[in-house]
Amino acid sequence: MITTIIILSVILATSLFVNINQLRKQEQQSDYITDLENSNTEYYTFVEQLRTKINQANSEIRNADRIGAFEASDEVGSSFKLIREVMDDLNRGVSQ
């Protein structure tokens, strides 16, 4: 009878240790998943803000160059082209 109680006590203690250990691991994984979700949300917000600012910059540059003289020049035209490429990349990345 005493042997049975000792064996059951050891099994119970082992079970408690395993369960507590698994609970800690699960809580760590849950925290990690939450951190990943937050970083994804922050990244998406950053990309959206960047996209908005580049759109605004592009609009302001186009308003300043109403007749298209700057856009047609080699030096400034490369900036227009670069802004357009960045916008295309952002639009492709957001829509995927």
PDB file of N, CA and C in Angstrom:
ATOM      1  N   MET A   1       0.812  -1.184   0.000  1.00  0.00           N
ATOM      2  CA  MET A   1       0.000   0.000   0.000  1.00  0.00           C
ATOM      3  C   MET A   1       0.867   1.265   0.000  1.00  0.00           C
ATOM      4  N   ILE A   2       1.878   1.281   0.810  1.00  0.00           N
ATOM      5  CA  ILE A   2       2.778   2.430   0.877  1.00  0.00           C
ATOM      6  C   ILE A   2       3.540   2.569  -0.441  1.00  0.00           C
ATOM      7  N   THR A   3       3.908   1.454  -1.038  1.00  0.00           N
ATOM      8  CA  THR A   3       4.619   1.469  -2.316  1.00  0.00           C
ATOM      9  C   THR A   3       3.726   2.098  -3.389  1.00  0.00           C
ATOM     10  N   THR A   4       2.474   1.772  -3.390  1.00  0.00           N
ATOM     11  CA  THR A   4       1.537   2.327  -4.364  1.00  0.00           C
ATOM     12  C   THR A   4       1.404   3.835  -4.176  1.00  0.00           C
ATOM     13  N   ILE A   5       1.309   4.284  -2.956  1.00  0.00           N
ATOM     14  CA  ILE A   5       1.197   5.718  -2.665  1.00  0.00           C
ATOM     15  C   ILE A   5       2.457   6.453  -3.128  1.00  0.00           C
ATOM     16  N   ILE A   6       3.617   5.876  -2.877  1.00  0.00           N
ATOM     17  CA  ILE A   6       4.884   6.499  -3.299  1.00  0.00           C
ATOM     18  C   ILE A   6       4.954   6.586  -4.823  1.00  0.00           C
ATOM     19  N   ILE A   7       4.604   5.484  -5.497  1.00  0.00           N
ATOM     20  CA  ILE A   7       4.651   5.466  -6.966  1.00  0.00           C
ATOM     21  C   ILE A   7       3.667   6.492  -7.534  1.00  0.00           C
ATOM     22  N   LEU A   8       2.457   6.544  -7.003  1.00  0.00           N
ATOM     23  CA  LEU A   8       1.466   7.516  -7.472  1.00  0.00           C
ATOM     24  C   LEU A   8       1.905   8.953  -7.183  1.00  0.00           C
ATOM     25  N   SER A   9       2.557   9.182  -6.063  1.00  0.00           N
ATOM     26  CA  SER A   9       3.064  10.522  -5.727  1.00  0.00           C
ATOM     27  C   SER A   9       4.146  10.953  -6.707  1.00  0.00           C
ATOM     28  N   VAL A  10       5.036  10.035  -7.064  1.00  0.00           N
ATOM     29  CA  VAL A  10       6.098  10.353  -8.035  1.00  0.00           C
ATOM     30  C   VAL A  10       5.492  10.643  -9.405  1.00  0.00           C
ATOM     31  N   ILE A  11       4.522   9.839  -9.801  1.00  0.00           N
ATOM     32  CA  ILE A  11       3.851  10.062 -11.086  1.00  0.00           C
ATOM     33  C   ILE A  11       3.124  11.402 -11.084  1.00  0.00           C
ATOM     34  N   LEU A  12       2.450  11.729  -9.994  1.00  0.00           N
ATOM     35  CA  LEU A  12       1.743  13.000  -9.877  1.00  0.00           C
ATOM     36  C   LEU A  12       2.717  14.177  -9.938  1.00  0.00           C
ATOM     37  N   ALA A  13       3.837  14.082  -9.223  1.00  0.00           N
ATOM     38  CA  ALA A  13       4.832  15.158  -9.228  1.00  0.00           C
ATOM     39  C   ALA A  13       5.413  15.337 -10.628  1.00  0.00           C
ATOM     40  N   THR A  14       5.703  14.232 -11.310  1.00  0.00           N
ATOM     41  CA  THR A  14       6.231  14.299 -12.672  1.00  0.00           C
ATOM     42  C   THR A  14       5.206  14.916 -13.609  1.00  0.00           C
ATOM     43  N   SER A  15       3.975  14.524 -13.472  1.00  0.00           N
ATOM     44  CA  SER A  15       2.913  15.065 -14.309  1.00  0.00           C
ATOM     45  C   SER A  15       2.751  16.565 -14.088  1.00  0.00           C
ATOM     46  N   LEU A  16       2.794  17.000 -12.844  1.00  0.00           N
ATOM     47  CA  LEU A  16       2.697  18.428 -12.546  1.00  0.00           C
ATOM     48  C   LEU A  16       3.862  19.197 -13.172  1.00  0.00           C
ATOM     49  N   PHE A  17       5.067  18.665 -13.053  1.00  0.00           N
ATOM     50  CA  PHE A  17       6.241  19.311 -13.629  1.00  0.00           C
ATOM     51  C   PHE A  17       6.103  19.435 -15.144  1.00  0.00           C
ATOM     52  N   VAL A  18       5.682  18.355 -15.808  1.00  0.00           N
ATOM     53  CA  VAL A  18       5.530  18.360 -17.267  1.00  0.00           C
ATOM     54  C   VAL A  18       4.451  19.351 -17.685  1.00  0.00           C
ATOM     55  N   ASN A  19       3.342  19.369 -16.977  1.00  0.00           N
ATOM     56  CA  ASN A  19       2.242  20.285 -17.325  1.00  0.00           C
ATOM     57  C   ASN A  19       2.639  21.747 -17.138  1.00  0.00           C
ATOM     58  N   ILE A  20       3.331  22.045 -16.061  1.00  0.00           N
ATOM     59  CA  ILE A  20       3.773  23.422 -15.824  1.00  0.00           C
ATOM     60  C   ILE A  20       4.773  23.844 -16.890  1.00  0.00           C
ATOM     61  N   ASN A  21       5.676  22.940 -17.240  1.00  0.00           N
ATOM     62  CA  ASN A  21       6.667  23.236 -18.276  1.00  0.00           C
ATOM     63  C   ASN A  21       5.980  23.494 -19.624  1.00  0.00           C
ATOM     64  N   GLN A  22       5.011  22.682 -19.983  1.00  0.00           N
ATOM     65  CA  GLN A  22       4.280  22.868 -21.233  1.00  0.00           C
ATOM     66  C   GLN A  22       3.492  24.178 -21.224  1.00  0.00           C
ATOM     67  N   LEU A  23       2.930  24.545 -20.097  1.00  0.00           N
ATOM     68  CA  LEU A  23       2.195  25.806 -19.980  1.00  0.00           C
ATOM     69  C   LEU A  23       3.123  26.994 -20.222  1.00  0.00           C
ATOM     70  N   ARG A  24       4.321  26.963 -19.643  1.00  0.00           N
ATOM     71  CA  ARG A  24       5.290  28.045 -19.859  1.00  0.00           C
ATOM     72  C   ARG A  24       5.679  28.154 -21.331  1.00  0.00           C
ATOM     73  N   LYS A  25       5.914  27.019 -21.974  1.00  0.00           N
ATOM     74  CA  LYS A  25       6.275  27.035 -23.394  1.00  0.00           C
ATOM     75  C   LYS A  25       5.135  27.604 -24.240  1.00  0.00           C
ATOM     76  N   GLN A  26       3.927  27.217 -23.923  1.00  0.00           N
ATOM     77  CA  GLN A  26       2.772  27.697 -24.674  1.00  0.00           C
ATOM     78  C   GLN A  26       2.598  29.199 -24.488  1.00  0.00           C
ATOM     79  N   GLU A  27       2.818  29.711 -23.293  1.00  0.00           N
ATOM     80  CA  GLU A  27       2.722  31.147 -23.044  1.00  0.00           C
ATOM     81  C   GLU A  27       3.803  31.908 -23.805  1.00  0.00           C
ATOM     82  N   GLN A  28       5.016  31.356 -23.870  1.00  0.00           N
ATOM     83  CA  GLN A  28       6.091  31.993 -24.628  1.00  0.00           C
ATOM     84  C   GLN A  28       5.743  32.045 -26.113  1.00  0.00           C
ATOM     85  N   GLN A  29       5.191  30.959 -26.628  1.00  0.00           N
ATOM     86  CA  GLN A  29       4.805  30.938 -28.042  1.00  0.00           C
ATOM     87  C   GLN A  29       3.673  31.917 -28.312  1.00  0.00           C
ATOM     88  N   SER A  30       2.768  32.023 -27.399  1.00  0.00           N
ATOM     89  CA  SER A  30       1.662  32.966 -27.555  1.00  0.00           C
ATOM     90  C   SER A  30       2.189  34.401 -27.573  1.00  0.00           C
ATOM     91  N   ASP A  31       3.128  34.709 -26.683  1.00  0.00           N
ATOM     92  CA  ASP A  31       3.736  36.040 -26.672  1.00  0.00           C
ATOM     93  C   ASP A  31       4.488  36.310 -27.974  1.00  0.00           C
ATOM     94  N   TYR A  32       5.198  35.308 -28.482  1.00  0.00           N
ATOM     95  CA  TYR A  32       5.944  35.452 -29.733  1.00  0.00           C
ATOM     96  C   TYR A  32       4.992  35.725 -30.897  1.00  0.00           C
ATOM     97  N   ILE A  33       3.883  35.011 -30.943  1.00  0.00           N
ATOM     98  CA  ILE A  33       2.897  35.216 -32.013  1.00  0.00           C
ATOM     99  C   ILE A  33       2.300  36.625 -31.924  1.00  0.00           C
ATOM    100  N   THR A  34       2.024  37.079 -30.733  1.00  0.00           N
ATOM    101  CA  THR A  34       1.498  38.431 -30.544  1.00  0.00           C
ATOM    102  C   THR A  34       2.497  39.469 -31.030  1.00  0.00           C
ATOM    103  N   ASP A  35       3.779  39.274 -30.686  1.00  0.00           N
ATOM    104  CA  ASP A  35       4.818  40.201 -31.153  1.00  0.00           C
ATOM    105  C   ASP A  35       4.907  40.207 -32.675  1.00  0.00           C
ATOM    106  N   LEU A  36       4.810  39.039 -33.304  1.00  0.00           N
ATOM    107  CA  LEU A  36       4.840  38.966 -34.768  1.00  0.00           C
ATOM    108  C   LEU A  36       3.657  39.699 -35.379  1.00  0.00           C
ATOM    109  N   GLU A  37       2.480  39.501 -34.815  1.00  0.00           N
ATOM    110  CA  GLU A  37       1.300  40.184 -35.331  1.00  0.00           C
ATOM    111  C   GLU A  37       1.450  41.696 -35.207  1.00  0.00           C
ATOM    112  N   ASN A  38       1.997  42.157 -34.084  1.00  0.00           N
ATOM    113  CA  ASN A  38       2.201  43.596 -33.893  1.00  0.00           C
ATOM    114  C   ASN A  38       3.219  44.149 -34.889  1.00  0.00           C
ATOM    115  N   SER A  39       4.306  43.406 -35.109  1.00  0.00           N
ATOM    116  CA  SER A  39       5.316  43.893 -36.051  1.00  0.00           C
ATOM    117  C   SER A  39       4.764  43.907 -37.474  1.00  0.00           C
ATOM    118  N   ASN A  40       3.931  42.938 -37.825  1.00  0.00           N
ATOM    119  CA  ASN A  40       3.309  42.944 -39.152  1.00  0.00           C
ATOM    120  C   ASN A  40       2.383  44.137 -39.315  1.00  0.00           C
ATOM    121  N   THR A  41       1.632  44.444 -38.282  1.00  0.00           N
ATOM    122  CA  THR A  41       0.728  45.591 -38.326  1.00  0.00           C
ATOM    123  C   THR A  41       1.519  46.888 -38.452  1.00  0.00           C
ATOM    124  N   GLU A  42       2.612  46.996 -37.687  1.00  0.00           N
ATOM    125  CA  GLU A  42       3.451  48.194 -37.762  1.00  0.00           C
ATOM    126  C   GLU A  42       4.080  48.333 -39.149  1.00  0.00           C
ATOM    127  N   TYR A  43       4.516  47.225 -39.729  1.00  0.00           N
ATOM    128  CA  TYR A  43       5.119  47.262 -41.058  1.00  0.00           C
ATOM    129  C   TYR A  43       4.086  47.698 -42.100  1.00  0.00           C
ATOM    130  N   TYR A  44       2.898  47.142 -42.034  1.00  0.00           N
ATOM    131  CA  TYR A  44       1.840  47.510 -42.977  1.00  0.00           C
ATOM    132  C   TYR A  44       1.503  48.989 -42.852  1.00  0.00           C
ATOM    133  N   THR A  45       1.423  49.484 -41.630  1.00  0.00           N
ATOM    134  CA  THR A  45       1.137  50.901 -41.400  1.00  0.00           C
ATOM    135  C   THR A  45       2.251  51.767 -41.981  1.00  0.00           C
ATOM    136  N   PHE A  46       3.504  51.355 -41.767  1.00  0.00           N
ATOM    137  CA  PHE A  46       4.638  52.097 -42.313  1.00  0.00           C
ATOM    138  C   PHE A  46       4.577  52.156 -43.836  1.00  0.00           C
ATOM    139  N   VAL A  47       4.297  51.029 -44.471  1.00  0.00           N
ATOM    140  CA  VAL A  47       4.239  50.986 -45.936  1.00  0.00           C
ATOM    141  C   VAL A  47       3.103  51.874 -46.444  1.00  0.00           C
ATOM    142  N   GLU A  48       1.970  51.831 -45.786  1.00  0.00           N
ATOM    143  CA  GLU A  48       0.854  52.679 -46.203  1.00  0.00           C
ATOM    144  C   GLU A  48       1.192  54.156 -46.057  1.00  0.00           C
ATOM    145  N   GLN A  49       1.852  54.529 -44.950  1.00  0.00           N
ATOM    146  CA  GLN A  49       2.242  55.921 -44.762  1.00  0.00           C
ATOM    147  C   GLN A  49       3.278  56.343 -45.799  1.00  0.00           C
ATOM    148  N   LEU A  50       4.219  55.472 -46.092  1.00  0.00           N
ATOM    149  CA  LEU A  50       5.229  55.758 -47.113  1.00  0.00           C
ATOM    150  C   LEU A  50       4.577  55.941 -48.481  1.00  0.00           C
ATOM    151  N   ARG A  51       3.648  55.070 -48.786  1.00  0.00           N
ATOM    152  CA  ARG A  51       2.935  55.156 -50.062  1.00  0.00           C
ATOM    153  C   ARG A  51       2.179  56.481 -50.172  1.00  0.00           C
ATOM    154  N   THR A  52       1.527  56.880 -49.113  1.00  0.00           N
ATOM    155  CA  THR A  52       0.786  58.137 -49.102  1.00  0.00           C
ATOM    156  C   THR A  52       1.724  59.325 -49.291  1.00  0.00           C
ATOM    157  N   LYS A  53       2.853  59.321 -48.586  1.00  0.00           N
ATOM    158  CA  LYS A  53       3.805  60.430 -48.702  1.00  0.00           C
ATOM    159  C   LYS A  53       4.408  60.508 -50.100  1.00  0.00           C
ATOM    160  N   ILE A  54       4.720  59.373 -50.689  1.00  0.00           N
ATOM    161  CA  ILE A  54       5.280  59.391 -52.040  1.00  0.00           C
ATOM    162  C   ILE A  54       4.238  59.873 -53.040  1.00  0.00           C
ATOM    163  N   ASN A  55       3.000  59.459 -52.854  1.00  0.00           N
ATOM    164  CA  ASN A  55       1.923  59.974 -53.715  1.00  0.00           C
ATOM    165  C   ASN A  55       1.794  61.491 -53.598  1.00  0.00           C
ATOM    166  N   GLN A  56       1.871  61.992 -52.370  1.00  0.00           N
ATOM    167  CA  GLN A  56       1.779  63.432 -52.154  1.00  0.00           C
ATOM    168  C   GLN A  56       2.957  64.154 -52.804  1.00  0.00           C
ATOM    169  N   ALA A  57       4.157  63.603 -52.624  1.00  0.00           N
ATOM    170  CA  ALA A  57       5.349  64.215 -53.218  1.00  0.00           C
ATOM    171  C   ALA A  57       5.237  64.224 -54.739  1.00  0.00           C
ATOM    172  N   ASN A  58       4.775  63.122 -55.293  1.00  0.00           N
ATOM    173  CA  ASN A  58       4.613  63.037 -56.741  1.00  0.00           C
ATOM    174  C   ASN A  58       3.596  64.066 -57.237  1.00  0.00           C
ATOM    175  N   SER A  59       2.500  64.216 -56.522  1.00  0.00           N
ATOM    176  CA  SER A  59       1.478  65.194 -56.909  1.00  0.00           C
ATOM    177  C   SER A  59       2.017  66.619 -56.830  1.00  0.00           C
ATOM    178  N   GLU A  60       2.750  66.921 -55.776  1.00  0.00           N
ATOM    179  CA  GLU A  60       3.297  68.266 -55.627  1.00  0.00           C
ATOM    180  C   GLU A  60       4.331  68.568 -56.705  1.00  0.00           C
ATOM    181  N   ILE A  61       5.148  67.586 -57.037  1.00  0.00           N
ATOM    182  CA  ILE A  61       6.142  67.786 -58.093  1.00  0.00           C
ATOM    183  C   ILE A  61       5.442  67.999 -59.430  1.00  0.00           C
ATOM    184  N   ARG A  62       4.411  67.213 -59.700  1.00  0.00           N
ATOM    185  CA  ARG A  62       3.678  67.368 -60.962  1.00  0.00           C
ATOM    186  C   ARG A  62       2.968  68.729 -61.023  1.00  0.00           C
ATOM    187  N   ASN A  63       2.445  69.188 -59.894  1.00  0.00           N
ATOM    188  CA  ASN A  63       1.807  70.516 -59.869  1.00  0.00           C
ATOM    189  C   ASN A  63       2.838  71.612 -60.117  1.00  0.00           C
ATOM    190  N   ALA A  64       4.038  71.448 -59.580  1.00  0.00           N
ATOM    191  CA  ALA A  64       5.088  72.448 -59.792  1.00  0.00           C
ATOM    192  C   ALA A  64       5.554  72.450 -61.244  1.00  0.00           C
ATOM    193  N   ASP A  65       5.438  71.322 -61.911  1.00  0.00           N
ATOM    194  CA  ASP A  65       5.886  71.194 -63.301  1.00  0.00           C
ATOM    195  C   ASP A  65       4.676  70.993 -64.206  1.00  0.00           C
ATOM    196  N   ARG A  66       3.864  72.021 -64.310  1.00  0.00           N
ATOM    197  CA  ARG A  66       2.611  71.907 -65.066  1.00  0.00           C
ATOM    198  C   ARG A  66       2.820  71.663 -66.551  1.00  0.00           C
ATOM    199  N   ILE A  67       3.853  72.257 -67.132  1.00  0.00           N
ATOM    200  CA  ILE A  67       4.055  72.108 -68.575  1.00  0.00           C
ATOM    201  C   ILE A  67       4.940  70.914 -68.928  1.00  0.00           C
ATOM    202  N   GLY A  68       5.514  70.258 -67.950  1.00  0.00           N
ATOM    203  CA  GLY A  68       6.289  69.048 -68.200  1.00  0.00           C
ATOM    204  C   GLY A  68       7.727  69.295 -68.600  1.00  0.00           C
ATOM    205  N   ALA A  69       8.227  70.509 -68.416  1.00  0.00           N
ATOM    206  CA  ALA A  69       9.598  70.818 -68.821  1.00  0.00           C
ATOM    207  C   ALA A  69      10.618  70.099 -67.948  1.00  0.00           C
ATOM    208  N   PHE A  70      10.360  70.065 -66.666  1.00  0.00           N
ATOM    209  CA  PHE A  70      11.313  69.386 -65.776  1.00  0.00           C
ATOM    210  C   PHE A  70      11.297  67.881 -65.991  1.00  0.00           C
ATOM    211  N   GLU A  71      10.116  67.336 -66.161  1.00  0.00           N
ATOM    212  CA  GLU A  71       9.997  65.890 -66.344  1.00  0.00           C
ATOM    213  C   GLU A  71      10.715  65.444 -67.613  1.00  0.00           C
ATOM    214  N   ALA A  72      10.738  66.297 -68.615  1.00  0.00           N
ATOM    215  CA  ALA A  72      11.378  65.942 -69.879  1.00  0.00           C
ATOM    216  C   ALA A  72      12.897  66.078 -69.813  1.00  0.00           C
ATOM    217  N   SER A  73      13.422  66.857 -68.853  1.00  0.00           N
ATOM    218  CA  SER A  73      14.872  67.026 -68.779  1.00  0.00           C
ATOM    219  C   SER A  73      15.530  65.744 -68.268  1.00  0.00           C
ATOM    220  N   ASP A  74      16.799  65.595 -68.596  1.00  0.00           N
ATOM    221  CA  ASP A  74      17.503  64.369 -68.222  1.00  0.00           C
ATOM    222  C   ASP A  74      17.698  64.242 -66.720  1.00  0.00           C
ATOM    223  N   GLU A  75      18.108  65.318 -66.066  1.00  0.00           N
ATOM    224  CA  GLU A  75      18.450  65.259 -64.649  1.00  0.00           C
ATOM    225  C   GLU A  75      17.208  65.138 -63.762  1.00  0.00           C
ATOM    226  N   VAL A  76      16.276  66.034 -63.951  1.00  0.00           N
ATOM    227  CA  VAL A  76      15.069  66.025 -63.129  1.00  0.00           C
ATOM    228  C   VAL A  76      14.137  64.909 -63.578  1.00  0.00           C
ATOM    229  N   GLY A  77      14.142  64.590 -64.849  1.00  0.00           N
ATOM    230  CA  GLY A  77      13.292  63.525 -65.363  1.00  0.00           C
ATOM    231  C   GLY A  77      13.613  62.184 -64.743  1.00  0.00           C
ATOM    232  N   SER A  78      14.883  61.982 -64.389  1.00  0.00           N
ATOM    233  CA  SER A  78      15.250  60.716 -63.736  1.00  0.00           C
ATOM    234  C   SER A  78      14.602  60.625 -62.357  1.00  0.00           C
ATOM    235  N   SER A  79      14.440  61.770 -61.681  1.00  0.00           N
ATOM    236  CA  SER A  79      13.752  61.769 -60.378  1.00  0.00           C
ATOM    237  C   SER A  79      12.279  61.430 -60.548  1.00  0.00           C
ATOM    238  N   PHE A  80      11.655  61.996 -61.580  1.00  0.00           N
ATOM    239  CA  PHE A  80      10.257  61.666 -61.864  1.00  0.00           C
ATOM    240  C   PHE A  80      10.121  60.167 -62.135  1.00  0.00           C
ATOM    241  N   LYS A  81      11.035  59.647 -62.934  1.00  0.00           N
ATOM    242  CA  LYS A  81      10.989  58.226 -63.281  1.00  0.00           C
ATOM    243  C   LYS A  81      11.181  57.358 -62.038  1.00  0.00           C
ATOM    244  N   LEU A  82      12.108  57.745 -61.161  1.00  0.00           N
ATOM    245  CA  LEU A  82      12.362  56.981 -59.941  1.00  0.00           C
ATOM    246  C   LEU A  82      11.140  56.982 -59.023  1.00  0.00           C
ATOM    247  N   ILE A  83      10.510  58.127 -58.878  1.00  0.00           N
ATOM    248  CA  ILE A  83       9.301  58.207 -58.042  1.00  0.00           C
ATOM    249  C   ILE A  83       8.205  57.321 -58.626  1.00  0.00           C
ATOM    250  N   ARG A  84       8.046  57.345 -59.935  1.00  0.00           N
ATOM    251  CA  ARG A  84       7.039  56.509 -60.581  1.00  0.00           C
ATOM    252  C   ARG A  84       7.344  55.018 -60.349  1.00  0.00           C
ATOM    253  N   GLU A  85       8.610  54.632 -60.434  1.00  0.00           N
ATOM    254  CA  GLU A  85       8.983  53.227 -60.207  1.00  0.00           C
ATOM    255  C   GLU A  85       8.722  52.802 -58.768  1.00  0.00           C
ATOM    256  N   VAL A  86       9.033  53.690 -57.837  1.00  0.00           N
ATOM    257  CA  VAL A  86       8.776  53.381 -56.418  1.00  0.00           C
ATOM    258  C   VAL A  86       7.288  53.212 -56.182  1.00  0.00           C
ATOM    259  N   MET A  87       6.486  54.083 -56.771  1.00  0.00           N
ATOM    260  CA  MET A  87       5.028  53.969 -56.619  1.00  0.00           C
ATOM    261  C   MET A  87       4.525  52.658 -57.214  1.00  0.00           C
ATOM    262  N   ASP A  88       5.037  52.292 -58.382  1.00  0.00           N
ATOM    263  CA  ASP A  88       4.620  51.027 -58.988  1.00  0.00           C
ATOM    264  C   ASP A  88       4.991  49.841 -58.096  1.00  0.00           C
ATOM    265  N   ASP A  89       6.200  49.884 -57.528  1.00  0.00           N
ATOM    266  CA  ASP A  89       6.630  48.798 -56.632  1.00  0.00           C
ATOM    267  C   ASP A  89       5.753  48.729 -55.391  1.00  0.00           C
ATOM    268  N   LEU A  90       5.446  49.884 -54.815  1.00  0.00           N
ATOM    269  CA  LEU A  90       4.591  49.899 -53.625  1.00  0.00           C
ATOM    270  C   LEU A  90       3.186  49.388 -53.965  1.00  0.00           C
ATOM    271  N   ASN A  91       2.652  49.792 -55.092  1.00  0.00           N
ATOM    272  CA  ASN A  91       1.310  49.355 -55.471  1.00  0.00           C
ATOM    273  C   ASN A  91       1.292  47.853 -55.726  1.00  0.00           C
ATOM    274  N   ARG A  92       2.335  47.319 -56.340  1.00  0.00           N
ATOM    275  CA  ARG A  92       2.407  45.880 -56.560  1.00  0.00           C
ATOM    276  C   ARG A  92       2.536  45.134 -55.241  1.00  0.00           C
ATOM    277  N   GLY A  93       3.338  45.672 -54.311  1.00  0.00           N
ATOM    278  CA  GLY A  93       3.543  45.008 -53.021  1.00  0.00           C
ATOM    279  C   GLY A  93       2.311  45.005 -52.155  1.00  0.00           C
ATOM    280  N   VAL A  94       1.538  46.065 -52.198  1.00  0.00           N
ATOM    281  CA  VAL A  94       0.325  46.173 -51.371  1.00  0.00           C
ATOM    282  C   VAL A  94      -0.776  45.282 -51.931  1.00  0.00           C
ATOM    283  N   SER A  95      -0.859  45.181 -53.246  1.00  0.00           N
ATOM    284  CA  SER A  95      -1.965  44.424 -53.831  1.00  0.00           C
ATOM    285  C   SER A  95      -1.725  42.913 -53.814  1.00  0.00           C
ATOM    286  N   GLN A  96      -0.514  42.458 -53.534  1.00  0.00           N
ATOM    287  CA  GLN A  96      -0.244  41.025 -53.540  1.00  0.00           C
ATOM    288  C   GLN A  96      -0.786  40.331 -52.339  1.00  0.00           C
TER     289      GLN A  96
END
